[in-house]
Amino acid sequence: MSTSPAPRPAEDQYVVVVNHEEQYSVWFAERALPAGWTATGAQGTRQECLDHIEQVWTDLTPRSVRASR
């Protein structure tokens, strides 16, 4: 018996989310957002969301570290 989840269809919809440290991620559009994350307004397929994140998240340093420099 396999415990791996079934692969999700490529056309599933996702949203881009950001946390208080200005770190980005993708989240399933049909699910409630986890605590501490806010939708940015960008949405689409997983790949479209990842492409968007690549464009806007140019400094991977957490916000708290950037502020302490």
PDB file of N, CA and C in Angstrom:
ATOM      1  N   MET A   1       0.850  -1.182   0.000  1.00  0.00           N
ATOM      2  CA  MET A   1       0.000   0.000   0.000  1.00  0.00           C
ATOM      3  C   MET A   1       0.891   1.239   0.000  1.00  0.00           C
ATOM      4  N   SER A   2       0.657   2.138  -0.922  1.00  0.00           N
ATOM      5  CA  SER A   2       1.442   3.367  -1.034  1.00  0.00           C
ATOM      6  C   SER A   2       0.854   4.453  -0.146  1.00  0.00           C
ATOM      7  N   THR A   3       1.732   5.226   0.487  1.00  0.00           N
ATOM      8  CA  THR A   3       1.270   6.341   1.311  1.00  0.00           C
ATOM      9  C   THR A   3       1.484   7.677   0.618  1.00  0.00           C
ATOM     10  N   SER A   4       1.968   7.634  -0.634  1.00  0.00           N
ATOM     11  CA  SER A   4       2.180   8.870  -1.382  1.00  0.00           C
ATOM     12  C   SER A   4       0.844   9.418  -1.858  1.00  0.00           C
ATOM     13  N   PRO A   5       0.679  10.745  -1.775  1.00  0.00           N
ATOM     14  CA  PRO A   5      -0.574  11.319  -2.276  1.00  0.00           C
ATOM     15  C   PRO A   5      -0.632  11.208  -3.797  1.00  0.00           C
ATOM     16  N   ALA A   6      -1.832  11.133  -4.305  1.00  0.00           N
ATOM     17  CA  ALA A   6      -2.014  11.084  -5.757  1.00  0.00           C
ATOM     18  C   ALA A   6      -1.570  12.408  -6.360  1.00  0.00           C
ATOM     19  N   PRO A   7      -0.945  12.370  -7.543  1.00  0.00           N
ATOM     20  CA  PRO A   7      -0.546  13.635  -8.166  1.00  0.00           C
ATOM     21  C   PRO A   7      -1.765  14.482  -8.493  1.00  0.00           C
ATOM     22  N   ARG A   8      -1.620  15.789  -8.352  1.00  0.00           N
ATOM     23  CA  ARG A   8      -2.728  16.701  -8.626  1.00  0.00           C
ATOM     24  C   ARG A   8      -2.692  17.108 -10.087  1.00  0.00           C
ATOM     25  N   PRO A   9      -3.841  17.342 -10.676  1.00  0.00           N
ATOM     26  CA  PRO A   9      -3.872  17.777 -12.074  1.00  0.00           C
ATOM     27  C   PRO A   9      -3.124  19.094 -12.270  1.00  0.00           C
ATOM     28  N   ALA A  10      -2.460  19.235 -13.408  1.00  0.00           N
ATOM     29  CA  ALA A  10      -1.663  20.433 -13.703  1.00  0.00           C
ATOM     30  C   ALA A  10      -2.529  21.683 -13.772  1.00  0.00           C
ATOM     31  N   GLU A  11      -3.822  21.519 -14.064  1.00  0.00           N
ATOM     32  CA  GLU A  11      -4.689  22.690 -14.206  1.00  0.00           C
ATOM     33  C   GLU A  11      -5.300  23.167 -12.889  1.00  0.00           C
ATOM     34  N   ASP A  12      -4.967  22.518 -11.774  1.00  0.00           N
ATOM     35  CA  ASP A  12      -5.438  23.009 -10.478  1.00  0.00           C
ATOM     36  C   ASP A  12      -5.049  24.469 -10.302  1.00  0.00           C
ATOM     37  N   GLN A  13      -5.871  25.203  -9.578  1.00  0.00           N
ATOM     38  CA  GLN A  13      -5.622  26.628  -9.365  1.00  0.00           C
ATOM     39  C   GLN A  13      -4.975  26.854  -7.997  1.00  0.00           C
ATOM     40  N   TYR A  14      -4.019  27.756  -7.999  1.00  0.00           N
ATOM     41  CA  TYR A  14      -3.265  28.103  -6.802  1.00  0.00           C
ATOM     42  C   TYR A  14      -3.273  29.618  -6.628  1.00  0.00           C
ATOM     43  N   VAL A  15      -2.910  30.064  -5.433  1.00  0.00           N
ATOM     44  CA  VAL A  15      -2.711  31.483  -5.166  1.00  0.00           C
ATOM     45  C   VAL A  15      -1.304  31.659  -4.620  1.00  0.00           C
ATOM     46  N   VAL A  16      -0.747  32.842  -4.838  1.00  0.00           N
ATOM     47  CA  VAL A  16       0.554  33.179  -4.269  1.00  0.00           C
ATOM     48  C   VAL A  16       0.291  33.811  -2.909  1.00  0.00           C
ATOM     49  N   VAL A  17       1.008  33.339  -1.900  1.00  0.00           N
ATOM     50  CA  VAL A  17       0.846  33.852  -0.541  1.00  0.00           C
ATOM     51  C   VAL A  17       2.193  34.353  -0.029  1.00  0.00           C
ATOM     52  N   VAL A  18       2.123  35.249   0.952  1.00  0.00           N
ATOM     53  CA  VAL A  18       3.336  35.815   1.550  1.00  0.00           C
ATOM     54  C   VAL A  18       3.136  35.868   3.063  1.00  0.00           C
ATOM     55  N   ASN A  19       4.237  35.698   3.805  1.00  0.00           N
ATOM     56  CA  ASN A  19       4.132  35.766   5.262  1.00  0.00           C
ATOM     57  C   ASN A  19       4.763  37.055   5.786  1.00  0.00           C
ATOM     58  N   HIS A  20       4.801  37.215   7.098  1.00  0.00           N
ATOM     59  CA  HIS A  20       5.301  38.456   7.707  1.00  0.00           C
ATOM     60  C   HIS A  20       6.794  38.672   7.445  1.00  0.00           C
ATOM     61  N   GLU A  21       7.507  37.636   7.067  1.00  0.00           N
ATOM     62  CA  GLU A  21       8.933  37.758   6.746  1.00  0.00           C
ATOM     63  C   GLU A  21       9.149  38.034   5.251  1.00  0.00           C
ATOM     64  N   GLU A  22       8.041  38.248   4.529  1.00  0.00           N
ATOM     65  CA  GLU A  22       8.055  38.499   3.080  1.00  0.00           C
ATOM     66  C   GLU A  22       8.641  37.310   2.311  1.00  0.00           C
ATOM     67  N   GLN A  23       8.304  36.114   2.789  1.00  0.00           N
ATOM     68  CA  GLN A  23       8.646  34.878   2.101  1.00  0.00           C
ATOM     69  C   GLN A  23       7.406  34.418   1.345  1.00  0.00           C
ATOM     70  N   TYR A  24       7.597  33.968   0.119  1.00  0.00           N
ATOM     71  CA  TYR A  24       6.486  33.614  -0.755  1.00  0.00           C
ATOM     72  C   TYR A  24       6.306  32.105  -0.859  1.00  0.00           C
ATOM     73  N   SER A  25       5.085  31.702  -1.190  1.00  0.00           N
ATOM     74  CA  SER A  25       4.769  30.303  -1.415  1.00  0.00           C
ATOM     75  C   SER A  25       3.514  30.221  -2.284  1.00  0.00           C
ATOM     76  N   VAL A  26       3.181  29.015  -2.704  1.00  0.00           N
ATOM     77  CA  VAL A  26       1.926  28.781  -3.419  1.00  0.00           C
ATOM     78  C   VAL A  26       1.001  28.005  -2.503  1.00  0.00           C
ATOM     79  N   TRP A  27      -0.301  28.219  -2.671  1.00  0.00           N
ATOM     80  CA  TRP A  27      -1.301  27.554  -1.845  1.00  0.00           C
ATOM     81  C   TRP A  27      -2.484  27.198  -2.719  1.00  0.00           C
ATOM     82  N   PHE A  28      -3.127  26.109  -2.408  1.00  0.00           N
ATOM     83  CA  PHE A  28      -4.299  25.675  -3.159  1.00  0.00           C
ATOM     84  C   PHE A  28      -5.408  26.729  -3.071  1.00  0.00           C
ATOM     85  N   ALA A  29      -5.926  27.143  -4.209  1.00  0.00           N
ATOM     86  CA  ALA A  29      -6.929  28.211  -4.241  1.00  0.00           C
ATOM     87  C   ALA A  29      -8.204  27.824  -3.495  1.00  0.00           C
ATOM     88  N   GLU A  30      -8.541  26.545  -3.483  1.00  0.00           N
ATOM     89  CA  GLU A  30      -9.805  26.140  -2.868  1.00  0.00           C
ATOM     90  C   GLU A  30      -9.698  25.928  -1.358  1.00  0.00           C
ATOM     91  N   ARG A  31      -8.506  26.071  -0.803  1.00  0.00           N
ATOM     92  CA  ARG A  31      -8.327  25.854   0.636  1.00  0.00           C
ATOM     93  C   ARG A  31      -8.178  27.177   1.381  1.00  0.00           C
ATOM     94  N   ALA A  32      -8.579  27.178   2.631  1.00  0.00           N
ATOM     95  CA  ALA A  32      -8.385  28.352   3.483  1.00  0.00           C
ATOM     96  C   ALA A  32      -6.886  28.555   3.683  1.00  0.00           C
ATOM     97  N   LEU A  33      -6.482  29.812   3.767  1.00  0.00           N
ATOM     98  CA  LEU A  33      -5.066  30.110   3.955  1.00  0.00           C
ATOM     99  C   LEU A  33      -4.622  29.705   5.352  1.00  0.00           C
ATOM    100  N   PRO A  34      -3.389  29.220   5.476  1.00  0.00           N
ATOM    101  CA  PRO A  34      -2.881  28.891   6.816  1.00  0.00           C
ATOM    102  C   PRO A  34      -2.604  30.165   7.602  1.00  0.00           C
ATOM    103  N   ALA A  35      -2.604  30.046   8.898  1.00  0.00           N
ATOM    104  CA  ALA A  35      -2.338  31.196   9.766  1.00  0.00           C
ATOM    105  C   ALA A  35      -0.983  31.803   9.422  1.00  0.00           C
ATOM    106  N   GLY A  36      -0.942  33.133   9.379  1.00  0.00           N
ATOM    107  CA  GLY A  36       0.309  33.830   9.128  1.00  0.00           C
ATOM    108  C   GLY A  36       0.605  34.100   7.666  1.00  0.00           C
ATOM    109  N   TRP A  37      -0.251  33.665   6.774  1.00  0.00           N
ATOM    110  CA  TRP A  37      -0.037  33.867   5.336  1.00  0.00           C
ATOM    111  C   TRP A  37      -1.163  34.720   4.761  1.00  0.00           C
ATOM    112  N   THR A  38      -0.805  35.570   3.787  1.00  0.00           N
ATOM    113  CA  THR A  38      -1.755  36.476   3.153  1.00  0.00           C
ATOM    114  C   THR A  38      -1.678  36.299   1.643  1.00  0.00           C
ATOM    115  N   ALA A  39      -2.818  36.251   0.986  1.00  0.00           N
ATOM    116  CA  ALA A  39      -2.834  36.157  -0.477  1.00  0.00           C
ATOM    117  C   ALA A  39      -2.334  37.467  -1.076  1.00  0.00           C
ATOM    118  N   THR A  40      -1.520  37.375  -2.124  1.00  0.00           N
ATOM    119  CA  THR A  40      -0.977  38.567  -2.785  1.00  0.00           C
ATOM    120  C   THR A  40      -1.882  39.073  -3.896  1.00  0.00           C
ATOM    121  N   GLY A  41      -2.808  38.247  -4.351  1.00  0.00           N
ATOM    122  CA  GLY A  41      -3.670  38.596  -5.469  1.00  0.00           C
ATOM    123  C   GLY A  41      -3.297  37.850  -6.735  1.00  0.00           C
ATOM    124  N   ALA A  42      -2.087  37.314  -6.804  1.00  0.00           N
ATOM    125  CA  ALA A  42      -1.673  36.532  -7.967  1.00  0.00           C
ATOM    126  C   ALA A  42      -2.241  35.124  -7.849  1.00  0.00           C
ATOM    127  N   GLN A  43      -2.733  34.597  -8.955  1.00  0.00           N
ATOM    128  CA  GLN A  43      -3.280  33.242  -8.953  1.00  0.00           C
ATOM    129  C   GLN A  43      -3.141  32.638 -10.332  1.00  0.00           C
ATOM    130  N   GLY A  44      -3.265  31.330 -10.406  1.00  0.00           N
ATOM    131  CA  GLY A  44      -3.164  30.617 -11.679  1.00  0.00           C
ATOM    132  C   GLY A  44      -2.762  29.181 -11.430  1.00  0.00           C
ATOM    133  N   THR A  45      -2.174  28.549 -12.445  1.00  0.00           N
ATOM    134  CA  THR A  45      -1.666  27.197 -12.256  1.00  0.00           C
ATOM    135  C   THR A  45      -0.470  27.267 -11.321  1.00  0.00           C
ATOM    136  N   ARG A  46      -0.037  26.118 -10.850  1.00  0.00           N
ATOM    137  CA  ARG A  46       1.128  26.090  -9.954  1.00  0.00           C
ATOM    138  C   ARG A  46       2.327  26.727 -10.637  1.00  0.00           C
ATOM    139  N   GLN A  47       2.559  26.374 -11.906  1.00  0.00           N
ATOM    140  CA  GLN A  47       3.711  26.922 -12.614  1.00  0.00           C
ATOM    141  C   GLN A  47       3.588  28.428 -12.814  1.00  0.00           C
ATOM    142  N   GLU A  48       2.395  28.921 -13.131  1.00  0.00           N
ATOM    143  CA  GLU A  48       2.201  30.372 -13.272  1.00  0.00           C
ATOM    144  C   GLU A  48       2.509  31.087 -11.967  1.00  0.00           C
ATOM    145  N   CYS A  49       2.096  30.495 -10.846  1.00  0.00           N
ATOM    146  CA  CYS A  49       2.367  31.105  -9.553  1.00  0.00           C
ATOM    147  C   CYS A  49       3.863  31.075  -9.242  1.00  0.00           C
ATOM    148  N   LEU A  50       4.521  29.963  -9.538  1.00  0.00           N
ATOM    149  CA  LEU A  50       5.965  29.884  -9.317  1.00  0.00           C
ATOM    150  C   LEU A  50       6.714  30.881 -10.192  1.00  0.00           C
ATOM    151  N   ASP A  51       6.264  31.066 -11.423  1.00  0.00           N
ATOM    152  CA  ASP A  51       6.880  32.059 -12.310  1.00  0.00           C
ATOM    153  C   ASP A  51       6.732  33.461 -11.737  1.00  0.00           C
ATOM    154  N   HIS A  52       5.553  33.758 -11.197  1.00  0.00           N
ATOM    155  CA  HIS A  52       5.308  35.072 -10.587  1.00  0.00           C
ATOM    156  C   HIS A  52       6.240  35.274  -9.383  1.00  0.00           C
ATOM    157  N   ILE A  53       6.338  34.264  -8.539  1.00  0.00           N
ATOM    158  CA  ILE A  53       7.207  34.362  -7.364  1.00  0.00           C
ATOM    159  C   ILE A  53       8.647  34.614  -7.788  1.00  0.00           C
ATOM    160  N   GLU A  54       9.087  33.943  -8.817  1.00  0.00           N
ATOM    161  CA  GLU A  54      10.460  34.134  -9.305  1.00  0.00           C
ATOM    162  C   GLU A  54      10.707  35.589  -9.718  1.00  0.00           C
ATOM    163  N   GLN A  55       9.696  36.240 -10.252  1.00  0.00           N
ATOM    164  CA  GLN A  55       9.823  37.641 -10.685  1.00  0.00           C
ATOM    165  C   GLN A  55       9.822  38.614  -9.509  1.00  0.00           C
ATOM    166  N   VAL A  56       9.010  38.355  -8.491  1.00  0.00           N
ATOM    167  CA  VAL A  56       8.850  39.342  -7.419  1.00  0.00           C
ATOM    168  C   VAL A  56       9.712  39.080  -6.182  1.00  0.00           C
ATOM    169  N   TRP A  57      10.143  37.851  -5.973  1.00  0.00           N
ATOM    170  CA  TRP A  57      10.922  37.520  -4.767  1.00  0.00           C
ATOM    171  C   TRP A  57      12.391  37.458  -5.148  1.00  0.00           C
ATOM    172  N   THR A  58      12.989  38.625  -5.261  1.00  0.00           N
ATOM    173  CA  THR A  58      14.363  38.710  -5.750  1.00  0.00           C
ATOM    174  C   THR A  58      15.397  38.651  -4.635  1.00  0.00           C
ATOM    175  N   ASP A  59      14.997  38.903  -3.404  1.00  0.00           N
ATOM    176  CA  ASP A  59      15.899  38.814  -2.261  1.00  0.00           C
ATOM    177  C   ASP A  59      15.301  37.821  -1.273  1.00  0.00           C
ATOM    178  N   LEU A  60      15.902  36.646  -1.177  1.00  0.00           N
ATOM    179  CA  LEU A  60      15.353  35.589  -0.339  1.00  0.00           C
ATOM    180  C   LEU A  60      15.628  35.785   1.145  1.00  0.00           C
ATOM    181  N   THR A  61      16.349  36.828   1.488  1.00  0.00           N
ATOM    182  CA  THR A  61      16.646  37.114   2.887  1.00  0.00           C
ATOM    183  C   THR A  61      15.366  37.500   3.621  1.00  0.00           C
ATOM    184  N   PRO A  62      15.070  36.868   4.761  1.00  0.00           N
ATOM    185  CA  PRO A  62      13.862  37.219   5.512  1.00  0.00           C
ATOM    186  C   PRO A  62      13.867  38.707   5.896  1.00  0.00           C
ATOM    187  N   ARG A  63      12.692  39.268   5.995  1.00  0.00           N
ATOM    188  CA  ARG A  63      12.518  40.698   6.296  1.00  0.00           C
ATOM    189  C   ARG A  63      13.235  41.098   7.583  1.00  0.00           C
ATOM    190  N   SER A  64      13.131  40.281   8.619  1.00  0.00           N
ATOM    191  CA  SER A  64      13.752  40.628   9.916  1.00  0.00           C
ATOM    192  C   SER A  64      15.272  40.715   9.798  1.00  0.00           C
ATOM    193  N   VAL A  65      15.862  39.888   8.961  1.00  0.00           N
ATOM    194  CA  VAL A  65      17.314  39.937   8.766  1.00  0.00           C
ATOM    195  C   VAL A  65      17.692  41.183   7.952  1.00  0.00           C
ATOM    196  N   ARG A  66      16.916  41.473   6.925  1.00  0.00           N
ATOM    197  CA  ARG A  66      17.190  42.684   6.124  1.00  0.00           C
ATOM    198  C   ARG A  66      17.086  43.936   6.990  1.00  0.00           C
ATOM    199  N   ALA A  67      16.119  43.967   7.892  1.00  0.00           N
ATOM    200  CA  ALA A  67      15.902  45.145   8.744  1.00  0.00           C
ATOM    201  C   ALA A  67      17.033  45.323   9.748  1.00  0.00           C
ATOM    202  N   SER A  68      17.727  44.253  10.097  1.00  0.00           N
ATOM    203  CA  SER A  68      18.796  44.345  11.099  1.00  0.00           C
ATOM    204  C   SER A  68      20.158  44.679  10.506  1.00  0.00           C
ATOM    205  N   ARG A  69      20.220  44.811   9.197  1.00  0.00           N
ATOM    206  CA  ARG A  69      21.507  45.122   8.552  1.00  0.00           C
ATOM    207  C   ARG A  69      21.927  46.544   8.805  1.00  0.00           C
TER     208      ARG A  69
END
